Amino acid sequence: MKCIVAGHEAVTDTEFVELALGTPVELWLGVEGESDEERAARLDAARDILSDPQFSDLPDDLLCLAARVVDENPELFNVVPLVRPARRRVVRKEVAA
């Protein structure tokens, strides 16, 4: 099955994400071995993009995409579901005055 985003065929997962977001993945995740200066420049560019009204929903889109990836591929992140503890009811005895 082909993955086509905005008229372009995405061959790899990275290409799919880049096409869906309209920005390179490295802009948000960084690259291994980047210097402090490179990191500051990357974050500055990311802030500029987020301040553009065209990308005002991008943080929400990124969070949704990240949540979907974690949900569909928990083995990549060593995610285990947490069991919610049962709620205990506190019984209070009132004293008549």
PDB file of N, CA and C in Angstrom:
ATOM      1  N   MET A   1       0.840  -1.163   0.000  1.00  0.00           N
ATOM      2  CA  MET A   1       0.000   0.000   0.000  1.00  0.00           C
ATOM      3  C   MET A   1       0.897   1.242   0.000  1.00  0.00           C
ATOM      4  N   LYS A   2       0.527   2.231  -0.788  1.00  0.00           N
ATOM      5  CA  LYS A   2       1.293   3.457  -0.874  1.00  0.00           C
ATOM      6  C   LYS A   2       0.784   4.462   0.149  1.00  0.00           C
ATOM      7  N   CYS A   3       1.706   5.207   0.724  1.00  0.00           N
ATOM      8  CA  CYS A   3       1.352   6.298   1.625  1.00  0.00           C
ATOM      9  C   CYS A   3       1.569   7.597   0.869  1.00  0.00           C
ATOM     10  N   ILE A   4       0.484   8.272   0.558  1.00  0.00           N
ATOM     11  CA  ILE A   4       0.586   9.517  -0.186  1.00  0.00           C
ATOM     12  C   ILE A   4       0.078  10.648   0.696  1.00  0.00           C
ATOM     13  N   VAL A   5       0.913  11.663   0.873  1.00  0.00           N
ATOM     14  CA  VAL A   5       0.577  12.830   1.684  1.00  0.00           C
ATOM     15  C   VAL A   5       0.777  14.060   0.811  1.00  0.00           C
ATOM     16  N   ALA A   6      -0.264  14.848   0.678  1.00  0.00           N
ATOM     17  CA  ALA A   6      -0.210  16.094  -0.102  1.00  0.00           C
ATOM     18  C   ALA A   6       0.339  15.856  -1.501  1.00  0.00           C
ATOM     19  N   GLY A   7      -0.050  14.741  -2.094  1.00  0.00           N
ATOM     20  CA  GLY A   7       0.357  14.456  -3.468  1.00  0.00           C
ATOM     21  C   GLY A   7       1.744  13.863  -3.615  1.00  0.00           C
ATOM     22  N   HIS A   8       2.442  13.626  -2.512  1.00  0.00           N
ATOM     23  CA  HIS A   8       3.783  13.043  -2.555  1.00  0.00           C
ATOM     24  C   HIS A   8       3.759  11.660  -1.928  1.00  0.00           C
ATOM     25  N   GLU A   9       4.496  10.741  -2.526  1.00  0.00           N
ATOM     26  CA  GLU A   9       4.546   9.385  -1.984  1.00  0.00           C
ATOM     27  C   GLU A   9       5.636   9.290  -0.930  1.00  0.00           C
ATOM     28  N   ALA A  10       5.262   8.841   0.243  1.00  0.00           N
ATOM     29  CA  ALA A  10       6.218   8.651   1.329  1.00  0.00           C
ATOM     30  C   ALA A  10       6.712   7.215   1.286  1.00  0.00           C
ATOM     31  N   VAL A  11       8.021   7.049   1.115  1.00  0.00           N
ATOM     32  CA  VAL A  11       8.601   5.713   1.018  1.00  0.00           C
ATOM     33  C   VAL A  11       8.977   5.173   2.395  1.00  0.00           C
ATOM     34  N   THR A  12       9.486   6.044   3.256  1.00  0.00           N
ATOM     35  CA  THR A  12       9.889   5.619   4.600  1.00  0.00           C
ATOM     36  C   THR A  12       9.006   6.291   5.645  1.00  0.00           C
ATOM     37  N   ASP A  13       9.096   5.793   6.869  1.00  0.00           N
ATOM     38  CA  ASP A  13       8.340   6.396   7.968  1.00  0.00           C
ATOM     39  C   ASP A  13       8.751   7.852   8.176  1.00  0.00           C
ATOM     40  N   THR A  14      10.054   8.113   8.067  1.00  0.00           N
ATOM     41  CA  THR A  14      10.550   9.475   8.252  1.00  0.00           C
ATOM     42  C   THR A  14       9.983  10.412   7.204  1.00  0.00           C
ATOM     43  N   GLU A  15       9.951   9.960   5.951  1.00  0.00           N
ATOM     44  CA  GLU A  15       9.374  10.787   4.888  1.00  0.00           C
ATOM     45  C   GLU A  15       7.895  11.054   5.153  1.00  0.00           C
ATOM     46  N   PHE A  16       7.185  10.058   5.653  1.00  0.00           N
ATOM     47  CA  PHE A  16       5.761  10.231   5.960  1.00  0.00           C
ATOM     48  C   PHE A  16       5.570  11.319   7.016  1.00  0.00           C
ATOM     49  N   VAL A  17       6.365  11.266   8.066  1.00  0.00           N
ATOM     50  CA  VAL A  17       6.261  12.261   9.132  1.00  0.00           C
ATOM     51  C   VAL A  17       6.619  13.642   8.605  1.00  0.00           C
ATOM     52  N   GLU A  18       7.690  13.735   7.818  1.00  0.00           N
ATOM     53  CA  GLU A  18       8.098  15.029   7.268  1.00  0.00           C
ATOM     54  C   GLU A  18       7.008  15.613   6.376  1.00  0.00           C
ATOM     55  N   LEU A  19       6.397  14.780   5.547  1.00  0.00           N
ATOM     56  CA  LEU A  19       5.333  15.264   4.677  1.00  0.00           C
ATOM     57  C   LEU A  19       4.100  15.660   5.486  1.00  0.00           C
ATOM     58  N   ALA A  20       3.787  14.886   6.509  1.00  0.00           N
ATOM     59  CA  ALA A  20       2.609  15.181   7.321  1.00  0.00           C
ATOM     60  C   ALA A  20       2.777  16.476   8.112  1.00  0.00           C
ATOM     61  N   LEU A  21       3.976  16.705   8.637  1.00  0.00           N
ATOM     62  CA  LEU A  21       4.220  17.882   9.454  1.00  0.00           C
ATOM     63  C   LEU A  21       4.657  19.096   8.642  1.00  0.00           C
ATOM     64  N   GLY A  22       5.246  18.838   7.496  1.00  0.00           N
ATOM     65  CA  GLY A  22       5.747  19.940   6.683  1.00  0.00           C
ATOM     66  C   GLY A  22       7.093  20.457   7.130  1.00  0.00           C
ATOM     67  N   THR A  23       7.741  19.739   8.026  1.00  0.00           N
ATOM     68  CA  THR A  23       9.077  20.110   8.510  1.00  0.00           C
ATOM     69  C   THR A  23       9.906  18.845   8.671  1.00  0.00           C
ATOM     70  N   PRO A  24      11.225  18.957   8.610  1.00  0.00           N
ATOM     71  CA  PRO A  24      12.058  17.776   8.851  1.00  0.00           C
ATOM     72  C   PRO A  24      11.980  17.321  10.308  1.00  0.00           C
ATOM     73  N   VAL A  25      12.019  16.045  10.522  1.00  0.00           N
ATOM     74  CA  VAL A  25      11.937  15.471  11.869  1.00  0.00           C
ATOM     75  C   VAL A  25      13.092  15.957  12.741  1.00  0.00           C
ATOM     76  N   GLU A  26      14.264  16.115  12.145  1.00  0.00           N
ATOM     77  CA  GLU A  26      15.444  16.536  12.904  1.00  0.00           C
ATOM     78  C   GLU A  26      15.257  17.900  13.558  1.00  0.00           C
ATOM     79  N   LEU A  27      14.391  18.731  12.973  1.00  0.00           N
ATOM     80  CA  LEU A  27      14.142  20.050  13.566  1.00  0.00           C
ATOM     81  C   LEU A  27      13.579  19.909  14.970  1.00  0.00           C
ATOM     82  N   TRP A  28      12.757  18.927  15.199  1.00  0.00           N
ATOM     83  CA  TRP A  28      12.096  18.751  16.494  1.00  0.00           C
ATOM     84  C   TRP A  28      12.875  17.821  17.410  1.00  0.00           C
ATOM     85  N   LEU A  29      13.539  16.822  16.830  1.00  0.00           N
ATOM     86  CA  LEU A  29      14.231  15.831  17.653  1.00  0.00           C
ATOM     87  C   LEU A  29      15.715  16.092  17.809  1.00  0.00           C
ATOM     88  N   GLY A  30      16.280  16.892  16.905  1.00  0.00           N
ATOM     89  CA  GLY A  30      17.710  17.125  16.936  1.00  0.00           C
ATOM     90  C   GLY A  30      18.457  15.977  16.293  1.00  0.00           C
ATOM     91  N   VAL A  31      19.770  16.100  16.271  1.00  0.00           N
ATOM     92  CA  VAL A  31      20.615  15.049  15.703  1.00  0.00           C
ATOM     93  C   VAL A  31      21.690  14.701  16.716  1.00  0.00           C
ATOM     94  N   GLU A  32      22.121  13.480  16.662  1.00  0.00           N
ATOM     95  CA  GLU A  32      23.131  13.013  17.592  1.00  0.00           C
ATOM     96  C   GLU A  32      24.431  13.780  17.378  1.00  0.00           C
ATOM     97  N   GLY A  33      25.019  14.229  18.460  1.00  0.00           N
ATOM     98  CA  GLY A  33      26.304  14.911  18.391  1.00  0.00           C
ATOM     99  C   GLY A  33      26.229  16.388  18.034  1.00  0.00           C
ATOM    100  N   GLU A  34      25.028  16.975  18.059  1.00  0.00           N
ATOM    101  CA  GLU A  34      24.946  18.396  17.724  1.00  0.00           C
ATOM    102  C   GLU A  34      25.560  19.233  18.844  1.00  0.00           C
ATOM    103  N   SER A  35      26.187  20.337  18.455  1.00  0.00           N
ATOM    104  CA  SER A  35      26.813  21.216  19.441  1.00  0.00           C
ATOM    105  C   SER A  35      25.751  22.076  20.112  1.00  0.00           C
ATOM    106  N   ASP A  36      26.149  22.752  21.178  1.00  0.00           N
ATOM    107  CA  ASP A  36      25.219  23.650  21.865  1.00  0.00           C
ATOM    108  C   ASP A  36      24.762  24.762  20.927  1.00  0.00           C
ATOM    109  N   GLU A  37      25.664  25.245  20.102  1.00  0.00           N
ATOM    110  CA  GLU A  37      25.326  26.303  19.152  1.00  0.00           C
ATOM    111  C   GLU A  37      24.331  25.799  18.099  1.00  0.00           C
ATOM    112  N   GLU A  38      24.548  24.588  17.595  1.00  0.00           N
ATOM    113  CA  GLU A  38      23.621  24.002  16.616  1.00  0.00           C
ATOM    114  C   GLU A  38      22.249  23.759  17.246  1.00  0.00           C
ATOM    115  N   ARG A  39      22.247  23.300  18.489  1.00  0.00           N
ATOM    116  CA  ARG A  39      20.984  23.058  19.182  1.00  0.00           C
ATOM    117  C   ARG A  39      20.221  24.367  19.371  1.00  0.00           C
ATOM    118  N   ALA A  40      20.931  25.418  19.777  1.00  0.00           N
ATOM    119  CA  ALA A  40      20.284  26.719  19.974  1.00  0.00           C
ATOM    120  C   ALA A  40      19.703  27.236  18.656  1.00  0.00           C
ATOM    121  N   ALA A  41      20.435  27.077  17.568  1.00  0.00           N
ATOM    122  CA  ALA A  41      19.944  27.523  16.257  1.00  0.00           C
ATOM    123  C   ALA A  41      18.722  26.713  15.834  1.00  0.00           C
ATOM    124  N   ARG A  42      18.746  25.399  16.086  1.00  0.00           N
ATOM    125  CA  ARG A  42      17.617  24.531  15.736  1.00  0.00           C
ATOM    126  C   ARG A  42      16.371  24.915  16.529  1.00  0.00           C
ATOM    127  N   LEU A  43      16.532  25.125  17.826  1.00  0.00           N
ATOM    128  CA  LEU A  43      15.400  25.507  18.659  1.00  0.00           C
ATOM    129  C   LEU A  43      14.865  26.886  18.288  1.00  0.00           C
ATOM    130  N   ASP A  44      15.766  27.792  17.901  1.00  0.00           N
ATOM    131  CA  ASP A  44      15.345  29.114  17.461  1.00  0.00           C
ATOM    132  C   ASP A  44      14.507  29.010  16.189  1.00  0.00           C
ATOM    133  N   ALA A  45      14.951  28.173  15.263  1.00  0.00           N
ATOM    134  CA  ALA A  45      14.182  27.956  14.021  1.00  0.00           C
ATOM    135  C   ALA A  45      12.827  27.333  14.341  1.00  0.00           C
ATOM    136  N   ALA A  46      12.795  26.396  15.261  1.00  0.00           N
ATOM    137  CA  ALA A  46      11.529  25.763  15.645  1.00  0.00           C
ATOM    138  C   ALA A  46      10.581  26.788  16.259  1.00  0.00           C
ATOM    139  N   ARG A  47      11.105  27.681  17.108  1.00  0.00           N
ATOM    140  CA  ARG A  47      10.259  28.736  17.701  1.00  0.00           C
ATOM    141  C   ARG A  47       9.694  29.649  16.616  1.00  0.00           C
ATOM    142  N   ASP A  48      10.521  29.977  15.612  1.00  0.00           N
ATOM    143  CA  ASP A  48      10.044  30.810  14.503  1.00  0.00           C
ATOM    144  C   ASP A  48       8.900  30.129  13.771  1.00  0.00           C
ATOM    145  N   ILE A  49       9.022  28.837  13.542  1.00  0.00           N
ATOM    146  CA  ILE A  49       7.971  28.093  12.845  1.00  0.00           C
ATOM    147  C   ILE A  49       6.699  28.077  13.677  1.00  0.00           C
ATOM    148  N   LEU A  50       6.837  27.823  14.970  1.00  0.00           N
ATOM    149  CA  LEU A  50       5.652  27.764  15.833  1.00  0.00           C
ATOM    150  C   LEU A  50       4.963  29.121  15.975  1.00  0.00           C
ATOM    151  N   SER A  51       5.707  30.211  15.784  1.00  0.00           N
ATOM    152  CA  SER A  51       5.095  31.533  15.896  1.00  0.00           C
ATOM    153  C   SER A  51       4.344  31.933  14.627  1.00  0.00           C
ATOM    154  N   ASP A  52       4.557  31.216  13.527  1.00  0.00           N
ATOM    155  CA  ASP A  52       3.863  31.500  12.274  1.00  0.00           C
ATOM    156  C   ASP A  52       2.410  31.027  12.403  1.00  0.00           C
ATOM    157  N   PRO A  53       1.442  31.900  12.100  1.00  0.00           N
ATOM    158  CA  PRO A  53       0.030  31.498  12.229  1.00  0.00           C
ATOM    159  C   PRO A  53      -0.333  30.257  11.411  1.00  0.00           C
ATOM    160  N   GLN A  54       0.378  30.027  10.323  1.00  0.00           N
ATOM    161  CA  GLN A  54       0.108  28.851   9.482  1.00  0.00           C
ATOM    162  C   GLN A  54       0.337  27.552  10.264  1.00  0.00           C
ATOM    163  N   PHE A  55       1.250  27.589  11.222  1.00  0.00           N
ATOM    164  CA  PHE A  55       1.594  26.395  11.988  1.00  0.00           C
ATOM    165  C   PHE A  55       1.068  26.459  13.421  1.00  0.00           C
ATOM    166  N   SER A  56       0.028  27.226  13.666  1.00  0.00           N
ATOM    167  CA  SER A  56      -0.465  27.397  15.035  1.00  0.00           C
ATOM    168  C   SER A  56      -0.940  26.089  15.661  1.00  0.00           C
ATOM    169  N   ASP A  57      -1.391  25.137  14.851  1.00  0.00           N
ATOM    170  CA  ASP A  57      -1.854  23.848  15.383  1.00  0.00           C
ATOM    171  C   ASP A  57      -0.754  22.790  15.404  1.00  0.00           C
ATOM    172  N   LEU A  58       0.449  23.144  14.998  1.00  0.00           N
ATOM    173  CA  LEU A  58       1.520  22.157  14.902  1.00  0.00           C
ATOM    174  C   LEU A  58       1.844  21.479  16.232  1.00  0.00           C
ATOM    175  N   PRO A  59       1.929  22.214  17.366  1.00  0.00           N
ATOM    176  CA  PRO A  59       2.202  21.494  18.620  1.00  0.00           C
ATOM    177  C   PRO A  59       1.159  20.422  18.913  1.00  0.00           C
ATOM    178  N   ASP A  60      -0.104  20.720  18.684  1.00  0.00           N
ATOM    179  CA  ASP A  60      -1.152  19.730  18.912  1.00  0.00           C
ATOM    180  C   ASP A  60      -1.001  18.555  17.958  1.00  0.00           C
ATOM    181  N   ASP A  61      -0.674  18.858  16.693  1.00  0.00           N
ATOM    182  CA  ASP A  61      -0.478  17.794  15.706  1.00  0.00           C
ATOM    183  C   ASP A  61       0.697  16.906  16.095  1.00  0.00           C
ATOM    184  N   LEU A  62       1.777  17.514  16.579  1.00  0.00           N
ATOM    185  CA  LEU A  62       2.944  16.738  16.999  1.00  0.00           C
ATOM    186  C   LEU A  62       2.607  15.830  18.175  1.00  0.00           C
ATOM    187  N   LEU A  63       1.862  16.367  19.146  1.00  0.00           N
ATOM    188  CA  LEU A  63       1.483  15.547  20.301  1.00  0.00           C
ATOM    189  C   LEU A  63       0.584  14.388  19.898  1.00  0.00           C
ATOM    190  N   CYS A  64      -0.369  14.657  19.002  1.00  0.00           N
ATOM    191  CA  CYS A  64      -1.260  13.592  18.529  1.00  0.00           C
ATOM    192  C   CYS A  64      -0.472  12.525  17.791  1.00  0.00           C
ATOM    193  N   LEU A  65       0.456  12.961  16.948  1.00  0.00           N
ATOM    194  CA  LEU A  65       1.275  12.014  16.191  1.00  0.00           C
ATOM    195  C   LEU A  65       2.132  11.177  17.143  1.00  0.00           C
ATOM    196  N   ALA A  66       2.753  11.838  18.119  1.00  0.00           N
ATOM    197  CA  ALA A  66       3.588  11.112  19.078  1.00  0.00           C
ATOM    198  C   ALA A  66       2.761  10.115  19.881  1.00  0.00           C
ATOM    199  N   ALA A  67       1.575  10.530  20.316  1.00  0.00           N
ATOM    200  CA  ALA A  67       0.709   9.630  21.083  1.00  0.00           C
ATOM    201  C   ALA A  67       0.288   8.435  20.240  1.00  0.00           C
ATOM    202  N   ARG A  68      -0.007   8.675  18.962  1.00  0.00           N
ATOM    203  CA  ARG A  68      -0.406   7.583  18.081  1.00  0.00           C
ATOM    204  C   ARG A  68       0.749   6.599  17.880  1.00  0.00           C
ATOM    205  N   VAL A  69       1.957   7.125  17.705  1.00  0.00           N
ATOM    206  CA  VAL A  69       3.126   6.253  17.506  1.00  0.00           C
ATOM    207  C   VAL A  69       3.360   5.404  18.748  1.00  0.00           C
ATOM    208  N   VAL A  70       3.285   6.007  19.922  1.00  0.00           N
ATOM    209  CA  VAL A  70       3.483   5.253  21.168  1.00  0.00           C
ATOM    210  C   VAL A  70       2.389   4.209  21.335  1.00  0.00           C
ATOM    211  N   ASP A  71       1.149   4.585  21.030  1.00  0.00           N
ATOM    212  CA  ASP A  71       0.021   3.664  21.175  1.00  0.00           C
ATOM    213  C   ASP A  71       0.135   2.484  20.224  1.00  0.00           C
ATOM    214  N   GLU A  72       0.556   2.742  18.981  1.00  0.00           N
ATOM    215  CA  GLU A  72       0.623   1.683  17.973  1.00  0.00           C
ATOM    216  C   GLU A  72       1.904   0.868  18.050  1.00  0.00           C
ATOM    217  N   ASN A  73       2.954   1.394  18.694  1.00  0.00           N
ATOM    218  CA  ASN A  73       4.245   0.705  18.754  1.00  0.00           C
ATOM    219  C   ASN A  73       4.826   0.745  20.164  1.00  0.00           C
ATOM    220  N   PRO A  74       4.131   0.221  21.159  1.00  0.00           N
ATOM    221  CA  PRO A  74       4.639   0.326  22.534  1.00  0.00           C
ATOM    222  C   PRO A  74       5.976  -0.373  22.730  1.00  0.00           C
ATOM    223  N   GLU A  75       6.260  -1.375  21.919  1.00  0.00           N
ATOM    224  CA  GLU A  75       7.528  -2.092  22.074  1.00  0.00           C
ATOM    225  C   GLU A  75       8.733  -1.198  21.790  1.00  0.00           C
ATOM    226  N   LEU A  76       8.541  -0.137  21.013  1.00  0.00           N
ATOM    227  CA  LEU A  76       9.640   0.778  20.711  1.00  0.00           C
ATOM    228  C   LEU A  76      10.026   1.616  21.916  1.00  0.00           C
ATOM    229  N   PHE A  77       9.105   1.791  22.831  1.00  0.00           N
ATOM    230  CA  PHE A  77       9.326   2.691  23.949  1.00  0.00           C
ATOM    231  C   PHE A  77       9.301   1.986  25.293  1.00  0.00           C
ATOM    232  N   ASN A  78       9.168   0.668  25.280  1.00  0.00           N
ATOM    233  CA  ASN A  78       9.112  -0.111  26.512  1.00  0.00           C
ATOM    234  C   ASN A  78       7.993   0.420  27.417  1.00  0.00           C
ATOM    235  N   VAL A  79       6.843   0.641  26.813  1.00  0.00           N
ATOM    236  CA  VAL A  79       5.692   1.192  27.535  1.00  0.00           C
ATOM    237  C   VAL A  79       4.849   0.043  28.087  1.00  0.00           C
ATOM    238  N   VAL A  80       4.494   0.152  29.345  1.00  0.00           N
ATOM    239  CA  VAL A  80       3.607  -0.845  29.944  1.00  0.00           C
ATOM    240  C   VAL A  80       2.397  -0.116  30.515  1.00  0.00           C
ATOM    241  N   PRO A  81       1.225  -0.682  30.345  1.00  0.00           N
ATOM    242  CA  PRO A  81       0.038  -0.011  30.891  1.00  0.00           C
ATOM    243  C   PRO A  81       0.069  -0.025  32.411  1.00  0.00           C
ATOM    244  N   LEU A  82      -0.356   1.058  32.999  1.00  0.00           N
ATOM    245  CA  LEU A  82      -0.422   1.150  34.452  1.00  0.00           C
ATOM    246  C   LEU A  82      -1.805   0.730  34.913  1.00  0.00           C
ATOM    247  N   VAL A  83      -1.845  -0.003  35.984  1.00  0.00           N
ATOM    248  CA  VAL A  83      -3.111  -0.434  36.547  1.00  0.00           C
ATOM    249  C   VAL A  83      -3.570   0.640  37.521  1.00  0.00           C
ATOM    250  N   ARG A  84      -4.791   1.088  37.329  1.00  0.00           N
ATOM    251  CA  ARG A  84      -5.328   2.093  38.247  1.00  0.00           C
ATOM    252  C   ARG A  84      -5.773   1.413  39.525  1.00  0.00           C
ATOM    253  N   PRO A  85      -5.352   1.930  40.655  1.00  0.00           N
ATOM    254  CA  PRO A  85      -5.788   1.334  41.916  1.00  0.00           C
ATOM    255  C   PRO A  85      -7.277   1.577  42.115  1.00  0.00           C
ATOM    256  N   ALA A  86      -7.908   0.621  42.759  1.00  0.00           N
ATOM    257  CA  ALA A  86      -9.335   0.766  43.046  1.00  0.00           C
ATOM    258  C   ALA A  86      -9.518   1.906  44.041  1.00  0.00           C
ATOM    259  N   ARG A  87     -10.553   2.677  43.830  1.00  0.00           N
ATOM    260  CA  ARG A  87     -10.822   3.796  44.739  1.00  0.00           C
ATOM    261  C   ARG A  87     -11.412   3.259  46.031  1.00  0.00           C
ATOM    262  N   ARG A  88     -10.859   3.700  47.114  1.00  0.00           N
ATOM    263  CA  ARG A  88     -11.383   3.293  48.411  1.00  0.00           C
ATOM    264  C   ARG A  88     -12.329   4.368  48.904  1.00  0.00           C
ATOM    265  N   ARG A  89     -13.421   3.916  49.413  1.00  0.00           N
ATOM    266  CA  ARG A  89     -14.393   4.863  49.967  1.00  0.00           C
ATOM    267  C   ARG A  89     -14.063   5.082  51.428  1.00  0.00           C
ATOM    268  N   VAL A  90     -13.997   6.324  51.811  1.00  0.00           N
ATOM    269  CA  VAL A  90     -13.754   6.661  53.190  1.00  0.00           C
ATOM    270  C   VAL A  90     -15.095   6.848  53.879  1.00  0.00           C
ATOM    271  N   VAL A  91     -15.340   6.035  54.885  1.00  0.00           N
ATOM    272  CA  VAL A  91     -16.599   6.115  55.622  1.00  0.00           C
ATOM    273  C   VAL A  91     -16.368   6.995  56.836  1.00  0.00           C
ATOM    274  N   ARG A  92     -17.142   8.039  56.899  1.00  0.00           N
ATOM    275  CA  ARG A  92     -16.991   8.960  58.034  1.00  0.00           C
ATOM    276  C   ARG A  92     -18.219   8.844  58.939  1.00  0.00           C
ATOM    277  N   LYS A  93     -17.943   8.678  60.169  1.00  0.00           N
ATOM    278  CA  LYS A  93     -19.037   8.602  61.145  1.00  0.00           C
ATOM    279  C   LYS A  93     -19.184   9.981  61.770  1.00  0.00           C
ATOM    280  N   GLU A  94     -20.380  10.485  61.659  1.00  0.00           N
ATOM    281  CA  GLU A  94     -20.621  11.803  62.232  1.00  0.00           C
ATOM    282  C   GLU A  94     -21.075  11.655  63.674  1.00  0.00           C
ATOM    283  N   VAL A  95     -20.667  12.605  64.468  1.00  0.00           N
ATOM    284  CA  VAL A  95     -21.026  12.604  65.879  1.00  0.00           C
ATOM    285  C   VAL A  95     -22.051  13.695  66.103  1.00  0.00           C
ATOM    286  N   ALA A  96     -23.132  13.348  66.777  1.00  0.00           N
ATOM    287  CA  ALA A  96     -24.161  14.341  67.065  1.00  0.00           C
ATOM    288  C   ALA A  96     -23.672  15.272  68.165  1.00  0.00           C
ATOM    289  N   ALA A  97     -23.952  16.517  68.019  1.00  0.00           N
ATOM    290  CA  ALA A  97     -23.492  17.470  69.017  1.00  0.00           C
ATOM    291  C   ALA A  97     -24.472  17.633  70.144  1.00  0.00           C
TER     292      ALA A  97
END
